C-alpha atoms as a PDB file:
ATOM      1  CA  MET A   1       0.000   0.000   0.000  1.00  0.00           C
ATOM      2  CA  ILE A   2       1.185   3.521  -0.834  1.00  0.00           C
ATOM      3  CA  LEU A   3       0.223   6.234   1.648  1.00  0.00           C
ATOM      4  CA  LEU A   4      -0.162   9.746   0.241  1.00  0.00           C
ATOM      5  CA  THR A   5      -0.138  12.920   2.303  1.00  0.00           C
ATOM      6  CA  ASN A   6       0.932  16.562   1.949  1.00  0.00           C
ATOM      7  CA  ASP A   7       1.200  19.860   3.822  1.00  0.00           C
ATOM      8  CA  ASP A   8      -1.179  21.896   1.653  1.00  0.00           C
ATOM      9  CA  GLY A   9      -4.380  20.220   2.760  1.00  0.00           C
ATOM     10  CA  VAL A  10      -6.390  17.263   1.605  1.00  0.00           C
ATOM     11  CA  HIS A  11      -8.111  19.162  -1.222  1.00  0.00           C
ATOM     12  CA  ALA A  12      -4.892  20.555  -2.750  1.00  0.00           C
ATOM     13  CA  PRO A  13      -4.588  19.919  -6.521  1.00  0.00           C
ATOM     14  CA  GLY A  14      -1.055  18.556  -6.172  1.00  0.00           C
ATOM     15  CA  LEU A  15      -2.299  15.718  -3.979  1.00  0.00           C
ATOM     16  CA  LEU A  16      -5.016  14.840  -6.466  1.00  0.00           C
ATOM     17  CA  ALA A  17      -2.491  14.719  -9.328  1.00  0.00           C
ATOM     18  CA  LEU A  18      -0.246  12.481  -7.245  1.00  0.00           C
ATOM     19  CA  GLU A  19      -3.136  10.161  -6.406  1.00  0.00           C
ATOM     20  CA  ARG A  20      -4.054   9.730 -10.064  1.00  0.00           C
ATOM     21  CA  ALA A  21      -0.475   8.819 -11.015  1.00  0.00           C
ATOM     22  CA  MET A  22       0.141   6.494  -8.066  1.00  0.00           C
ATOM     23  CA  GLN A  23      -3.068   4.539  -8.705  1.00  0.00           C
ATOM     24  CA  ARG A  24      -1.332   3.050 -11.747  1.00  0.00           C
ATOM     25  CA  ILE A  25       1.344   1.330  -9.666  1.00  0.00           C
ATOM     26  CA  GLY A  26      -0.437   0.147  -6.528  1.00  0.00           C
ATOM     27  CA  ASN A  27      -3.129   0.442  -3.898  1.00  0.00           C
ATOM     28  CA  VAL A  28      -3.288   4.044  -2.672  1.00  0.00           C
ATOM     29  CA  ARG A  29      -4.640   5.485   0.574  1.00  0.00           C
ATOM     30  CA  ILE A  30      -4.754   9.179   1.430  1.00  0.00           C
ATOM     31  CA  VAL A  31      -4.503  10.721   4.888  1.00  0.00           C
ATOM     32  CA  ALA A  32      -3.793  14.452   4.713  1.00  0.00           C
ATOM     33  CA  PRO A  33      -4.311  17.564   6.842  1.00  0.00           C
ATOM     34  CA  GLU A  34      -7.680  19.243   6.752  1.00  0.00           C
ATOM     35  CA  HIS A  35      -5.970  22.633   6.177  1.00  0.00           C
ATOM     36  CA  ASN A  36      -2.648  24.084   5.035  1.00  0.00           C
ATOM     37  CA  TRP A  37       0.461  23.385   7.166  1.00  0.00           C
ATOM     38  CA  SER A  38       3.153  24.866   4.915  1.00  0.00           C
ATOM     39  CA  ALA A  39       6.491  25.558   6.664  1.00  0.00           C
ATOM     40  CA  SER A  40       5.237  23.749   9.761  1.00  0.00           C
ATOM     41  CA  GLY A  41       8.405  21.694  10.205  1.00  0.00           C
ATOM     42  CA  HIS A  42       8.311  18.366  11.990  1.00  0.00           C
ATOM     43  CA  THR A  43       5.337  19.008  14.259  1.00  0.00           C
ATOM     44  CA  LYS A  44       3.765  16.272  16.360  1.00  0.00           C
ATOM     45  CA  THR A  45       0.551  16.785  18.325  1.00  0.00           C
ATOM     46  CA  MET A  46       0.921  15.474  21.877  1.00  0.00           C
ATOM     47  CA  HIS A  47      -1.429  17.430  24.165  1.00  0.00           C
ATOM     48  CA  LYS A  48      -4.753  17.563  22.360  1.00  0.00           C
ATOM     49  CA  PRO A  49      -6.893  15.020  20.504  1.00  0.00           C
ATOM     50  CA  LEU A  50      -6.680  14.421  16.778  1.00  0.00           C
ATOM     51  CA  ARG A  51      -9.755  13.973  14.634  1.00  0.00           C
ATOM     52  CA  VAL A  52      -9.975  12.111  11.332  1.00  0.00           C
ATOM     53  CA  GLU A  53     -12.948  12.485   8.998  1.00  0.00           C
ATOM     54  CA  PRO A  54     -13.728  10.848   5.626  1.00  0.00           C
ATOM     55  CA  VAL A  55     -13.832  13.229   2.656  1.00  0.00           C
ATOM     56  CA  GLN A  56     -13.940  13.000  -1.114  1.00  0.00           C
ATOM     57  CA  LEU A  57     -11.445  14.534  -3.493  1.00  0.00           C
ATOM     58  CA  GLU A  58     -12.548  16.520  -6.533  1.00  0.00           C
ATOM     59  CA  ASP A  59     -12.736  13.365  -8.670  1.00  0.00           C
ATOM     60  CA  GLY A  60     -14.714  11.451  -6.039  1.00  0.00           C
ATOM     61  CA  SER A  61     -11.747   9.505  -4.654  1.00  0.00           C
ATOM     62  CA  PRO A  62     -11.995   8.740  -0.920  1.00  0.00           C
ATOM     63  CA  ALA A  63      -9.544  10.267   1.542  1.00  0.00           C
ATOM     64  CA  LEU A  64      -9.193  10.929   5.245  1.00  0.00           C
ATOM     65  CA  ALA A  65      -8.765  14.494   6.525  1.00  0.00           C
ATOM     66  CA  CYS A  66      -6.837  14.865   9.785  1.00  0.00           C
ATOM     67  CA  SER A  67      -6.970  17.809  12.163  1.00  0.00           C
ATOM     68  CA  GLY A  68      -3.240  17.466  12.830  1.00  0.00           C
ATOM     69  CA  SER A  69       0.007  18.159  11.009  1.00  0.00           C
ATOM     70  CA  PRO A  70       1.491  16.292   8.028  1.00  0.00           C
ATOM     71  CA  SER A  71       3.696  14.242  10.367  1.00  0.00           C
ATOM     72  CA  ASP A  72       0.632  13.491  12.525  1.00  0.00           C
ATOM     73  CA  CYS A  73      -1.104  12.068   9.450  1.00  0.00           C
ATOM     74  CA  VAL A  74       1.734   9.634   8.845  1.00  0.00           C
ATOM     75  CA  ALA A  75       2.134   8.778  12.531  1.00  0.00           C
ATOM     76  CA  LEU A  76      -1.550   7.888  12.861  1.00  0.00           C
ATOM     77  CA  VAL A  77      -1.340   5.443   9.963  1.00  0.00           C
ATOM     78  CA  LEU A  78       1.879   3.852  11.213  1.00  0.00           C
ATOM     79  CA  LEU A  79       0.292   3.458  14.657  1.00  0.00           C
ATOM     80  CA  GLY A  80      -2.673   1.552  13.210  1.00  0.00           C
ATOM     81  CA  LEU A  81      -5.261   4.004  11.865  1.00  0.00           C
ATOM     82  CA  LEU A  82      -5.589   1.886   8.708  1.00  0.00           C
ATOM     83  CA  PRO A  83      -5.811  -1.910   8.601  1.00  0.00           C
ATOM     84  CA  ASP A  84      -2.662  -2.165   6.442  1.00  0.00           C
ATOM     85  CA  GLN A  85       0.784  -0.685   6.943  1.00  0.00           C
ATOM     86  CA  PRO A  86       2.228   1.295   4.012  1.00  0.00           C
ATOM     87  CA  ASP A  87       5.129  -0.006   1.956  1.00  0.00           C
ATOM     88  CA  LEU A  88       5.917   3.564   0.909  1.00  0.00           C
ATOM     89  CA  VAL A  89       4.897   7.083   1.939  1.00  0.00           C
ATOM     90  CA  VAL A  90       4.778   9.819  -0.711  1.00  0.00           C
ATOM     91  CA  SER A  91       4.262  13.429   0.383  1.00  0.00           C
ATOM     92  CA  GLY A  92       3.265  16.231  -2.009  1.00  0.00           C
ATOM     93  CA  ILE A  93       3.069  17.557  -4.577  1.00  0.00           C
ATOM     94  CA  ASN A  94       4.158  20.817  -2.985  1.00  0.00           C
ATOM     95  CA  PRO A  95       3.766  23.989  -5.076  1.00  0.00           C
ATOM     96  CA  GLY A  96       7.213  25.523  -4.688  1.00  0.00           C
ATOM     97  CA  GLN A  97      10.601  23.865  -4.370  1.00  0.00           C
ATOM     98  CA  ASN A  98      11.935  22.355  -1.155  1.00  0.00           C
ATOM     99  CA  VAL A  99      15.709  22.593  -1.499  1.00  0.00           C
ATOM    100  CA  GLY A 100      18.704  23.247   0.729  1.00  0.00           C
ATOM    101  CA  GLN A 101      17.797  24.287   4.260  1.00  0.00           C
ATOM    102  CA  ASP A 102      14.110  24.234   3.303  1.00  0.00           C
ATOM    103  CA  VAL A 103      14.022  20.564   4.307  1.00  0.00           C
ATOM    104  CA  THR A 104      14.170  21.609   7.992  1.00  0.00           C
ATOM    105  CA  TYR A 105      11.089  23.838   7.619  1.00  0.00           C
ATOM    106  CA  SER A 106       9.036  21.887   5.116  1.00  0.00           C
ATOM    107  CA  GLY A 107       5.863  20.132   6.182  1.00  0.00           C
ATOM    108  CA  THR A 108       6.099  18.116   2.954  1.00  0.00           C
ATOM    109  CA  VAL A 109       9.513  16.751   3.896  1.00  0.00           C
ATOM    110  CA  SER A 110       8.564  16.352   7.565  1.00  0.00           C
ATOM    111  CA  ALA A 111       5.788  13.923   6.674  1.00  0.00           C
ATOM    112  CA  ALA A 112       8.390  11.857   4.827  1.00  0.00           C
ATOM    113  CA  TRP A 113      10.752  12.073   7.834  1.00  0.00           C
ATOM    114  CA  GLU A 114       8.024  10.628  10.053  1.00  0.00           C
ATOM    115  CA  ALA A 115       7.784   7.582   7.804  1.00  0.00           C
ATOM    116  CA  VAL A 116      11.544   6.993   7.801  1.00  0.00           C
ATOM    117  CA  ILE A 117      11.760   7.323  11.600  1.00  0.00           C
ATOM    118  CA  THR A 118       9.297   4.449  11.861  1.00  0.00           C
ATOM    119  CA  GLY A 119      11.048   2.317   9.257  1.00  0.00           C
ATOM    120  CA  VAL A 120       9.085   3.046   6.040  1.00  0.00           C
ATOM    121  CA  PRO A 121      10.744   4.518   2.914  1.00  0.00           C
ATOM    122  CA  ALA A 122       9.433   7.834   1.694  1.00  0.00           C
ATOM    123  CA  ILE A 123       9.528  10.370  -1.120  1.00  0.00           C
ATOM    124  CA  ALA A 124       8.867  14.106  -0.753  1.00  0.00           C
ATOM    125  CA  VAL A 125       7.729  15.691  -4.023  1.00  0.00           C
ATOM    126  CA  SER A 126       7.851  19.393  -4.906  1.00  0.00           C
ATOM    127  CA  LEU A 127       7.304  21.461  -8.058  1.00  0.00           C
ATOM    128  CA  SER A 128       9.701  24.377  -8.439  1.00  0.00           C
ATOM    129  CA  SER A 129       7.141  27.166  -8.913  1.00  0.00           C
ATOM    130  CA  HIS A 130       4.001  28.435  -7.208  1.00  0.00           C
ATOM    131  CA  GLU A 131       2.786  30.202 -10.365  1.00  0.00           C
ATOM    132  CA  GLU A 132       0.215  28.337 -12.469  1.00  0.00           C
ATOM    133  CA  PRO A 133       1.562  24.930 -11.456  1.00  0.00           C
ATOM    134  CA  ASP A 134       1.025  22.002 -13.810  1.00  0.00           C
ATOM    135  CA  TYR A 135       1.498  18.897 -11.693  1.00  0.00           C
ATOM    136  CA  ARG A 136       1.133  16.254 -14.410  1.00  0.00           C
ATOM    137  CA  TYR A 137       4.791  15.624 -15.237  1.00  0.00           C
ATOM    138  CA  ALA A 138       5.871  15.815 -11.565  1.00  0.00           C
ATOM    139  CA  ALA A 139       3.188  13.273 -10.637  1.00  0.00           C
ATOM    140  CA  GLU A 140       4.167  10.932 -13.460  1.00  0.00           C
ATOM    141  CA  PHE A 141       7.849  11.142 -12.580  1.00  0.00           C
ATOM    142  CA  ALA A 142       7.081  10.595  -8.888  1.00  0.00           C
ATOM    143  CA  SER A 143       5.207   7.392  -9.763  1.00  0.00           C
ATOM    144  CA  ARG A 144       8.217   6.132 -11.747  1.00  0.00           C
ATOM    145  CA  LEU A 145      10.515   6.909  -8.840  1.00  0.00           C
ATOM    146  CA  ALA A 146       8.111   5.210  -6.418  1.00  0.00           C
ATOM    147  CA  SER A 147       8.174   2.054  -8.551  1.00  0.00           C
ATOM    148  CA  GLU A 148      11.976   2.001  -8.354  1.00  0.00           C
ATOM    149  CA  VAL A 149      11.976   2.486  -4.576  1.00  0.00           C
ATOM    150  CA  LEU A 150       9.460  -0.322  -4.070  1.00  0.00           C
ATOM    151  CA  ALA A 151      11.436  -2.672  -6.309  1.00  0.00           C
ATOM    152  CA  ALA A 152      14.822  -1.869  -4.730  1.00  0.00           C
ATOM    153  CA  ARG A 153      13.938  -3.163  -1.246  1.00  0.00           C
ATOM    154  CA  PHE A 154      16.663  -1.305   0.625  1.00  0.00           C
ATOM    155  CA  GLU A 155      17.891  -2.764   3.916  1.00  0.00           C
ATOM    156  CA  ARG A 156      17.101   0.535   5.643  1.00  0.00           C
ATOM    157  CA  PRO A 157      14.363   3.075   4.973  1.00  0.00           C
ATOM    158  CA  ILE A 158      15.421   5.836   2.597  1.00  0.00           C
ATOM    159  CA  LEU A 159      14.112   9.337   1.997  1.00  0.00           C
ATOM    160  CA  LEU A 160      14.324  10.873  -1.469  1.00  0.00           C
ATOM    161  CA  ASN A 161      13.654  14.590  -1.830  1.00  0.00           C
ATOM    162  CA  LEU A 162      12.334  15.085  -5.373  1.00  0.00           C
ATOM    163  CA  ASN A 163      12.167  18.548  -6.939  1.00  0.00           C
ATOM    164  CA  VAL A 164      10.778  18.915 -10.462  1.00  0.00           C
ATOM    165  CA  PRO A 165      11.217  22.028 -12.624  1.00  0.00           C
ATOM    166  CA  SER A 166       7.979  23.821 -13.382  1.00  0.00           C
ATOM    167  CA  LEU A 167       8.478  23.440 -17.139  1.00  0.00           C
ATOM    168  CA  PRO A 168       6.733  21.596 -19.967  1.00  0.00           C
ATOM    169  CA  ALA A 169       8.011  18.021 -20.088  1.00  0.00           C
ATOM    170  CA  ASN A 170       9.766  18.610 -23.427  1.00  0.00           C
ATOM    171  CA  GLN A 171      11.789  21.462 -21.894  1.00  0.00           C
ATOM    172  CA  ILE A 172      13.155  19.481 -18.933  1.00  0.00           C
ATOM    173  CA  THR A 173      16.822  18.871 -19.696  1.00  0.00           C
ATOM    174  CA  GLY A 174      17.564  15.797 -17.597  1.00  0.00           C
ATOM    175  CA  ILE A 175      17.573  14.060 -14.232  1.00  0.00           C
ATOM    176  CA  GLU A 176      20.309  14.574 -11.638  1.00  0.00           C
ATOM    177  CA  ILE A 177      21.135  12.893  -8.329  1.00  0.00           C
ATOM    178  CA  THR A 178      22.113  15.816  -6.120  1.00  0.00           C
ATOM    179  CA  ARG A 179      23.147  16.999  -2.693  1.00  0.00           C
ATOM    180  CA  LEU A 180      21.414  19.747  -0.731  1.00  0.00           C
ATOM    181  CA  GLY A 181      22.351  23.238  -1.847  1.00  0.00           C
ATOM    182  CA  ARG A 182      22.507  26.504   0.060  1.00  0.00           C
ATOM    183  CA  ARG A 183      19.417  28.649   0.294  1.00  0.00           C
ATOM    184  CA  VAL A 184      19.651  32.413   0.715  1.00  0.00           C
ATOM    185  CA  TYR A 185      16.775  33.704   2.834  1.00  0.00           C
ATOM    186  CA  ARG A 186      15.774  37.349   2.563  1.00  0.00           C
ATOM    187  CA  ASP A 187      13.366  37.595   5.472  1.00  0.00           C
ATOM    188  CA  VAL A 188      12.558  40.915   7.138  1.00  0.00           C
ATOM    189  CA  LEU A 189      10.688  41.689  10.342  1.00  0.00           C
ATOM    190  CA  ASP A 190       7.654  43.902   9.808  1.00  0.00           C
ATOM    191  CA  GLU A 191       6.405  45.473  13.053  1.00  0.00           C
ATOM    192  CA  ARG A 192       2.872  46.887  13.075  1.00  0.00           C
ATOM    193  CA  ARG A 193       0.376  48.209  15.623  1.00  0.00           C
ATOM    194  CA  ASP A 194      -3.054  46.860  16.425  1.00  0.00           C
ATOM    195  CA  PRO A 195      -6.026  49.198  17.153  1.00  0.00           C
ATOM    196  CA  ARG A 196      -5.056  49.227  20.858  1.00  0.00           C
ATOM    197  CA  GLY A 197      -1.523  50.345  20.092  1.00  0.00           C
ATOM    198  CA  HIS A 198       0.148  47.028  20.824  1.00  0.00           C
ATOM    199  CA  SER A 199       2.905  45.712  18.570  1.00  0.00           C
ATOM    200  CA  TYR A 200       2.503  42.634  16.414  1.00  0.00           C
ATOM    201  CA  TYR A 201       4.873  41.193  13.844  1.00  0.00           C
ATOM    202  CA  TRP A 202       4.955  39.665  10.374  1.00  0.00           C
ATOM    203  CA  ILE A 203       7.962  37.763   9.075  1.00  0.00           C
ATOM    204  CA  GLY A 204       8.037  38.839   5.457  1.00  0.00           C
ATOM    205  CA  GLY A 205      10.507  39.791   2.760  1.00  0.00           C
ATOM    206  CA  LEU A 206      11.397  38.648  -0.728  1.00  0.00           C
ATOM    207  CA  PRO A 207      11.164  34.973  -1.721  1.00  0.00           C
ATOM    208  CA  PRO A 208      14.344  33.000  -0.972  1.00  0.00           C
ATOM    209  CA  SER A 209      16.963  32.490  -3.619  1.00  0.00           C
ATOM    210  CA  GLY A 210      19.831  30.009  -3.652  1.00  0.00           C
ATOM    211  CA  ILE A 211      23.377  29.384  -4.796  1.00  0.00           C
ATOM    212  CA  PRO A 212      23.221  27.263  -7.989  1.00  0.00           C
ATOM    213  CA  GLU A 213      26.363  25.220  -7.348  1.00  0.00           C
ATOM    214  CA  PRO A 214      26.998  22.212  -9.604  1.00  0.00           C
ATOM    215  CA  GLY A 215      25.839  18.964  -8.058  1.00  0.00           C
ATOM    216  CA  THR A 216      23.211  20.584  -5.834  1.00  0.00           C
ATOM    217  CA  ASP A 217      19.428  20.532  -5.964  1.00  0.00           C
ATOM    218  CA  ILE A 218      19.395  24.286  -6.554  1.00  0.00           C
ATOM    219  CA  GLY A 219      21.900  23.969  -9.378  1.00  0.00           C
ATOM    220  CA  ALA A 220      19.945  21.190 -11.070  1.00  0.00           C
ATOM    221  CA  LEU A 221      16.681  23.157 -11.044  1.00  0.00           C
ATOM    222  CA  ALA A 222      18.469  26.232 -12.392  1.00  0.00           C
ATOM    223  CA  GLU A 223      19.528  24.117 -15.391  1.00  0.00           C
ATOM    224  CA  GLY A 224      16.034  22.722 -15.928  1.00  0.00           C
ATOM    225  CA  ARG A 225      16.826  19.282 -14.521  1.00  0.00           C
ATOM    226  CA  VAL A 226      14.865  17.099 -12.119  1.00  0.00           C
ATOM    227  CA  SER A 227      16.660  16.869  -8.774  1.00  0.00           C
ATOM    228  CA  ILE A 228      16.646  13.730  -6.592  1.00  0.00           C
ATOM    229  CA  THR A 229      18.431  14.180  -3.274  1.00  0.00           C
ATOM    230  CA  PRO A 230      18.817  11.309  -0.807  1.00  0.00           C
ATOM    231  CA  ILE A 231      18.678  12.767   2.710  1.00  0.00           C
ATOM    232  CA  GLN A 232      19.100  11.163   6.122  1.00  0.00           C
ATOM    233  CA  LEU A 233      18.198  11.690   9.754  1.00  0.00           C
ATOM    234  CA  ASP A 234      21.772  11.727  11.086  1.00  0.00           C
ATOM    235  CA  LEU A 235      22.462  15.439  11.666  1.00  0.00           C
ATOM    236  CA  THR A 236      25.779  14.808  13.408  1.00  0.00           C
ATOM    237  CA  ASP A 237      28.669  17.021  12.264  1.00  0.00           C
ATOM    238  CA  HIS A 238      31.090  14.102  12.020  1.00  0.00           C
ATOM    239  CA  LEU A 239      34.001  16.295  10.888  1.00  0.00           C
ATOM    240  CA  LEU A 240      33.823  18.243  14.154  1.00  0.00           C
ATOM    241  CA  ILE A 241      33.814  15.283  16.553  1.00  0.00           C
ATOM    242  CA  ASP A 242      37.602  14.768  16.696  1.00  0.00           C
ATOM    243  CA  GLU A 243      38.264  18.485  17.165  1.00  0.00           C
ATOM    244  CA  LEU A 244      35.778  18.746  20.032  1.00  0.00           C
ATOM    245  CA  ARG A 245      37.440  15.785  21.742  1.00  0.00           C
ATOM    246  CA  GLN A 246      40.653  17.832  21.942  1.00  0.00           C
ATOM    247  CA  TRP A 247      39.027  20.656  23.932  1.00  0.00           C
ATOM    248  CA  ASP A 248      40.026  20.978  27.586  1.00  0.00           C
ATOM    249  CA  LEU A 249      36.585  20.830  29.161  1.00  0.00           C
ATOM    250  CA  GLY A 250      37.725  19.360  32.477  1.00  0.00           C
ATOM    251  CA  SER A 251      35.629  16.727  34.234  1.00  0.00           C
ATOM    252  CA  PRO A 252      32.596  16.721  36.522  1.00  0.00           C
ATOM    253  CA  ALA A 253      34.975  16.284  39.461  1.00  0.00           C
ATOM    254  CA  ASP A 254      36.528  19.694  38.693  1.00  0.00           C
ATOM    255  CA  ARG A 255      33.267  21.399  39.665  1.00  0.00           C
ATOM    256  CA  GLN A 256      32.972  19.866  43.112  1.00  0.00           C
END
């Protein structure tokens, strides 16, 4: 079974496009948030109840809408919400790329993280542009990638972060296996006053850009190529471990 979810809400057009493509390769179930959770990060609901309600997508397909976050949707299924456990979790299709440091903010990627934490492989799927998105090629490519992941049967769960250029299929120049690039965020703090004179704040600014280095997800998209980045949960800075071990930090006994 292939579990589909997203961070844009259960009625988002990208999810519907993904469902139509994935139906061709296996049994599909959908559990997605009832509203938008973009940039929610890896949020898990612990101190209030979660509700799940049956809904229908635009084409009449059944789905379940969850009151929680994208990662909640996946967690509920892996904890037994559905009678079958998924063989693969696919999250998306997100309108707008998730590259570089975006993966730490992205609700799309966080849903995929939740699957991998529990031992299920996952794919996060994003389209590079918000403007007039056409999800058909991204959905078709995601289904091809899903078929490969299911057939490969890795010894450990993997997470593939897929970013597809928002171009006609005949203008996409290739497919590249990439590493995460470097985003450049241009956020600004906008302070305003409410009618009672109290301050409130918006985090705004120009959309982020990125450094299109060769071999990176940002570089691939800049050249019109599909980017597939394998990412992992180990955030350890391994290169720094030996240096830190040389620091003279004393011992607990020194503080007595």
